[in-house]
Amino acid sequence: MSEKKHDYNDIVFIVTELSGYRRGSLKASIDLSAGRIAWTDTHMWNNDFVRALSPQMVEHIYQNLPGTELLSWATDYAKGIGHLMGSMTGSFPQDWSVEIRFSDGEVLKACGVSNFPKQWSVYRRLLEEVAKTSFRLR
């Protein structure tokens, strides 16, 4: 990771994955530059989709991303201190990852097992609002 400080407005692509033993996985890929979301649910294959996002929804995402503190997750987990910042929010072990791609090509990634960032529920609600479906393992 470079020392360059990115802004939420520099984000062009976000991939979020959630998986759990014998519970499948969910993957949401939001392409902000193309205005598109792709969704993959290994537990319910008929829940897979690709959907266009309106310019208003893309703007809504940009406006609400700072409230998720997403960029600090990438920094804290990359430094190895993310587990100190998070909380256990799952009733069973779950792996999670968020990959952030910026307009300059740089990629940041945060990941963990069951120890979710403090703002995970805020971020999950934003994902659910954009996708119009639940981002929770069954």
C-alpha atoms as a PDB file:
ATOM      1  CA  MET A   1       0.000   0.000   0.000  1.00  0.00           C
ATOM      2  CA  SER A   2       1.373   3.390  -0.920  1.00  0.00           C
ATOM      3  CA  GLU A   3       1.425   6.389   1.381  1.00  0.00           C
ATOM      4  CA  LYS A   4      -1.006   8.253  -0.894  1.00  0.00           C
ATOM      5  CA  LYS A   5      -4.180   9.111   0.941  1.00  0.00           C
ATOM      6  CA  HIS A   6      -7.273   8.321  -1.050  1.00  0.00           C
ATOM      7  CA  ASP A   7     -10.669   9.885  -0.795  1.00  0.00           C
ATOM      8  CA  TYR A   8     -14.026   8.112  -0.982  1.00  0.00           C
ATOM      9  CA  ASN A   9     -14.652   9.927  -4.280  1.00  0.00           C
ATOM     10  CA  ASP A  10     -11.592   8.124  -5.744  1.00  0.00           C
ATOM     11  CA  ILE A  11     -13.254   4.710  -5.322  1.00  0.00           C
ATOM     12  CA  VAL A  12     -14.346   3.142  -8.608  1.00  0.00           C
ATOM     13  CA  PHE A  13     -14.998  -0.489  -7.628  1.00  0.00           C
ATOM     14  CA  ILE A  14     -15.847  -2.354  -4.408  1.00  0.00           C
ATOM     15  CA  VAL A  15     -16.009  -6.134  -4.020  1.00  0.00           C
ATOM     16  CA  THR A  16     -17.456  -7.465  -0.766  1.00  0.00           C
ATOM     17  CA  GLU A  17     -17.560 -11.155   0.147  1.00  0.00           C
ATOM     18  CA  LEU A  18     -19.054 -13.001   3.086  1.00  0.00           C
ATOM     19  CA  SER A  19     -18.750 -16.765   3.599  1.00  0.00           C
ATOM     20  CA  GLY A  20     -19.364 -19.320   6.301  1.00  0.00           C
ATOM     21  CA  TYR A  21     -18.732 -23.024   6.672  1.00  0.00           C
ATOM     22  CA  ARG A  22     -21.653 -24.946   5.119  1.00  0.00           C
ATOM     23  CA  ARG A  23     -23.566 -21.696   4.666  1.00  0.00           C
ATOM     24  CA  GLY A  24     -22.262 -20.712   1.237  1.00  0.00           C
ATOM     25  CA  SER A  25     -21.069 -17.276   0.307  1.00  0.00           C
ATOM     26  CA  LEU A  26     -22.293 -13.916  -0.921  1.00  0.00           C
ATOM     27  CA  LYS A  27     -20.395 -11.591  -3.202  1.00  0.00           C
ATOM     28  CA  ALA A  28     -21.410  -8.061  -4.148  1.00  0.00           C
ATOM     29  CA  SER A  29     -19.364  -6.250  -6.801  1.00  0.00           C
ATOM     30  CA  ILE A  30     -20.218  -2.578  -7.224  1.00  0.00           C
ATOM     31  CA  ASP A  31     -18.729  -0.871 -10.277  1.00  0.00           C
ATOM     32  CA  LEU A  32     -19.285   2.804  -9.550  1.00  0.00           C
ATOM     33  CA  SER A  33     -17.750   4.017 -12.806  1.00  0.00           C
ATOM     34  CA  ALA A  34     -20.051   1.816 -14.917  1.00  0.00           C
ATOM     35  CA  GLY A  35     -23.043   2.176 -12.584  1.00  0.00           C
ATOM     36  CA  ARG A  36     -23.570  -1.541 -12.054  1.00  0.00           C
ATOM     37  CA  ILE A  37     -23.861  -4.102  -9.262  1.00  0.00           C
ATOM     38  CA  ALA A  38     -23.226  -7.833  -9.675  1.00  0.00           C
ATOM     39  CA  TRP A  39     -24.448 -10.255  -7.012  1.00  0.00           C
ATOM     40  CA  THR A  40     -23.515 -13.896  -6.480  1.00  0.00           C
ATOM     41  CA  ASP A  41     -25.163 -16.140  -3.876  1.00  0.00           C
ATOM     42  CA  THR A  42     -23.741 -19.680  -3.792  1.00  0.00           C
ATOM     43  CA  HIS A  43     -26.481 -20.852  -1.441  1.00  0.00           C
ATOM     44  CA  MET A  44     -29.291 -19.655  -3.730  1.00  0.00           C
ATOM     45  CA  TRP A  45     -28.051 -19.638  -7.325  1.00  0.00           C
ATOM     46  CA  ASN A  46     -31.363 -18.138  -8.465  1.00  0.00           C
ATOM     47  CA  ASN A  47     -30.471 -15.013  -6.468  1.00  0.00           C
ATOM     48  CA  ASP A  48     -27.555 -14.128  -8.791  1.00  0.00           C
ATOM     49  CA  PHE A  49     -28.000 -10.938 -10.811  1.00  0.00           C
ATOM     50  CA  VAL A  50     -26.398  -7.959 -12.508  1.00  0.00           C
ATOM     51  CA  ARG A  51     -28.301  -4.706 -12.218  1.00  0.00           C
ATOM     52  CA  ALA A  52     -27.736  -1.185 -13.469  1.00  0.00           C
ATOM     53  CA  LEU A  53     -27.467   1.588 -10.897  1.00  0.00           C
ATOM     54  CA  SER A  54     -28.996   4.973 -11.572  1.00  0.00           C
ATOM     55  CA  PRO A  55     -26.739   8.034 -11.377  1.00  0.00           C
ATOM     56  CA  GLN A  56     -28.736   9.027  -8.274  1.00  0.00           C
ATOM     57  CA  MET A  57     -27.951   5.665  -6.616  1.00  0.00           C
ATOM     58  CA  VAL A  58     -24.247   6.004  -7.462  1.00  0.00           C
ATOM     59  CA  GLU A  59     -24.306   9.471  -5.883  1.00  0.00           C
ATOM     60  CA  HIS A  60     -26.151   8.031  -2.860  1.00  0.00           C
ATOM     61  CA  ILE A  61     -23.377   5.446  -2.459  1.00  0.00           C
ATOM     62  CA  TYR A  62     -20.656   8.106  -2.624  1.00  0.00           C
ATOM     63  CA  GLN A  63     -22.511  10.244  -0.064  1.00  0.00           C
ATOM     64  CA  ASN A  64     -22.933   7.342   2.384  1.00  0.00           C
ATOM     65  CA  LEU A  65     -19.551   5.600   2.094  1.00  0.00           C
ATOM     66  CA  PRO A  66     -17.774   7.971   4.534  1.00  0.00           C
ATOM     67  CA  GLY A  67     -20.251   6.957   7.255  1.00  0.00           C
ATOM     68  CA  THR A  68     -19.102   3.343   6.906  1.00  0.00           C
ATOM     69  CA  GLU A  69     -15.462   4.271   7.611  1.00  0.00           C
ATOM     70  CA  LEU A  70     -14.555   1.794   4.860  1.00  0.00           C
ATOM     71  CA  LEU A  71     -11.148   3.318   4.122  1.00  0.00           C
ATOM     72  CA  SER A  72     -10.054   3.000   7.750  1.00  0.00           C
ATOM     73  CA  TRP A  73     -10.913  -0.720   7.642  1.00  0.00           C
ATOM     74  CA  ALA A  74      -8.480  -1.222   4.812  1.00  0.00           C
ATOM     75  CA  THR A  75      -5.796   0.724   6.641  1.00  0.00           C
ATOM     76  CA  ASP A  76      -6.349  -0.863  10.071  1.00  0.00           C
ATOM     77  CA  TYR A  77      -6.592  -4.437   8.809  1.00  0.00           C
ATOM     78  CA  ALA A  78      -3.566  -3.939   6.519  1.00  0.00           C
ATOM     79  CA  LYS A  79      -1.570  -2.786   9.572  1.00  0.00           C
ATOM     80  CA  GLY A  80      -2.746  -5.854  11.489  1.00  0.00           C
ATOM     81  CA  ILE A  81      -4.708  -3.893  14.083  1.00  0.00           C
ATOM     82  CA  GLY A  82      -8.186  -4.253  12.601  1.00  0.00           C
ATOM     83  CA  HIS A  83      -9.143  -7.027  14.992  1.00  0.00           C
ATOM     84  CA  LEU A  84      -8.681  -4.522  17.810  1.00  0.00           C
ATOM     85  CA  MET A  85     -11.171  -2.134  16.205  1.00  0.00           C
ATOM     86  CA  GLY A  86     -13.997  -4.559  15.436  1.00  0.00           C
ATOM     87  CA  SER A  87     -16.628  -6.593  17.194  1.00  0.00           C
ATOM     88  CA  MET A  88     -18.082 -10.071  16.984  1.00  0.00           C
ATOM     89  CA  THR A  89     -21.375  -9.680  15.158  1.00  0.00           C
ATOM     90  CA  GLY A  90     -21.977 -13.195  13.855  1.00  0.00           C
ATOM     91  CA  SER A  91     -23.474 -16.179  15.649  1.00  0.00           C
ATOM     92  CA  PHE A  92     -21.198 -18.556  13.685  1.00  0.00           C
ATOM     93  CA  PRO A  93     -17.727 -18.140  12.142  1.00  0.00           C
ATOM     94  CA  GLN A  94     -17.868 -16.025   8.993  1.00  0.00           C
ATOM     95  CA  ASP A  95     -15.080 -14.871   6.708  1.00  0.00           C
ATOM     96  CA  TRP A  96     -15.469 -11.415   5.253  1.00  0.00           C
ATOM     97  CA  SER A  97     -13.443  -9.344   2.817  1.00  0.00           C
ATOM     98  CA  VAL A  98     -13.739  -5.961   1.152  1.00  0.00           C
ATOM     99  CA  GLU A  99     -11.562  -4.991  -1.789  1.00  0.00           C
ATOM    100  CA  ILE A 100     -11.501  -1.331  -2.822  1.00  0.00           C
ATOM    101  CA  ARG A 101     -10.169  -0.191  -6.195  1.00  0.00           C
ATOM    102  CA  PHE A 102      -9.312   3.439  -6.824  1.00  0.00           C
ATOM    103  CA  SER A 103      -9.240   5.515  -9.996  1.00  0.00           C
ATOM    104  CA  ASP A 104      -5.416   5.475  -9.990  1.00  0.00           C
ATOM    105  CA  GLY A 105      -5.384   1.651 -10.034  1.00  0.00           C
ATOM    106  CA  GLU A 106      -4.397   1.142  -6.401  1.00  0.00           C
ATOM    107  CA  VAL A 107      -6.215  -1.644  -4.525  1.00  0.00           C
ATOM    108  CA  LEU A 108      -6.785  -1.886  -0.779  1.00  0.00           C
ATOM    109  CA  LYS A 109      -8.148  -4.974   0.928  1.00  0.00           C
ATOM    110  CA  ALA A 110      -9.516  -5.639   4.393  1.00  0.00           C
ATOM    111  CA  CYS A 111     -10.526  -9.075   5.624  1.00  0.00           C
ATOM    112  CA  GLY A 112     -11.235 -10.967   8.801  1.00  0.00           C
ATOM    113  CA  VAL A 113     -12.920 -13.932  10.420  1.00  0.00           C
ATOM    114  CA  SER A 114     -16.012 -13.139  12.484  1.00  0.00           C
ATOM    115  CA  ASN A 115     -14.435 -10.006  13.932  1.00  0.00           C
ATOM    116  CA  PHE A 116     -16.276  -7.410  11.868  1.00  0.00           C
ATOM    117  CA  PRO A 117     -15.408  -3.693  11.717  1.00  0.00           C
ATOM    118  CA  LYS A 118     -17.472  -1.485  14.014  1.00  0.00           C
ATOM    119  CA  GLN A 119     -19.330   0.075  11.100  1.00  0.00           C
ATOM    120  CA  TRP A 120     -20.103  -3.275   9.408  1.00  0.00           C
ATOM    121  CA  SER A 121     -23.838  -2.971  10.033  1.00  0.00           C
ATOM    122  CA  VAL A 122     -23.887   0.523   8.470  1.00  0.00           C
ATOM    123  CA  TYR A 123     -21.980  -0.787   5.441  1.00  0.00           C
ATOM    124  CA  ARG A 124     -24.191  -3.886   5.187  1.00  0.00           C
ATOM    125  CA  ARG A 125     -27.344  -1.728   5.222  1.00  0.00           C
ATOM    126  CA  LEU A 126     -25.918   0.372   2.383  1.00  0.00           C
ATOM    127  CA  LEU A 127     -25.177  -2.795   0.379  1.00  0.00           C
ATOM    128  CA  GLU A 128     -28.692  -4.105   1.024  1.00  0.00           C
ATOM    129  CA  GLU A 129     -30.202  -0.787  -0.019  1.00  0.00           C
ATOM    130  CA  VAL A 130     -28.231  -0.782  -3.278  1.00  0.00           C
ATOM    131  CA  ALA A 131     -28.833  -4.472  -4.064  1.00  0.00           C
ATOM    132  CA  LYS A 132     -32.413  -4.564  -2.748  1.00  0.00           C
ATOM    133  CA  THR A 133     -31.707  -7.883  -1.032  1.00  0.00           C
ATOM    134  CA  SER A 134     -30.244  -9.145   2.242  1.00  0.00           C
ATOM    135  CA  PHE A 135     -26.457  -9.421   2.649  1.00  0.00           C
ATOM    136  CA  ARG A 136     -26.533 -12.078   5.375  1.00  0.00           C
ATOM    137  CA  LEU A 137     -25.683 -15.751   5.297  1.00  0.00           C
ATOM    138  CA  ARG A 138     -28.540 -18.162   5.929  1.00  0.00           C
END
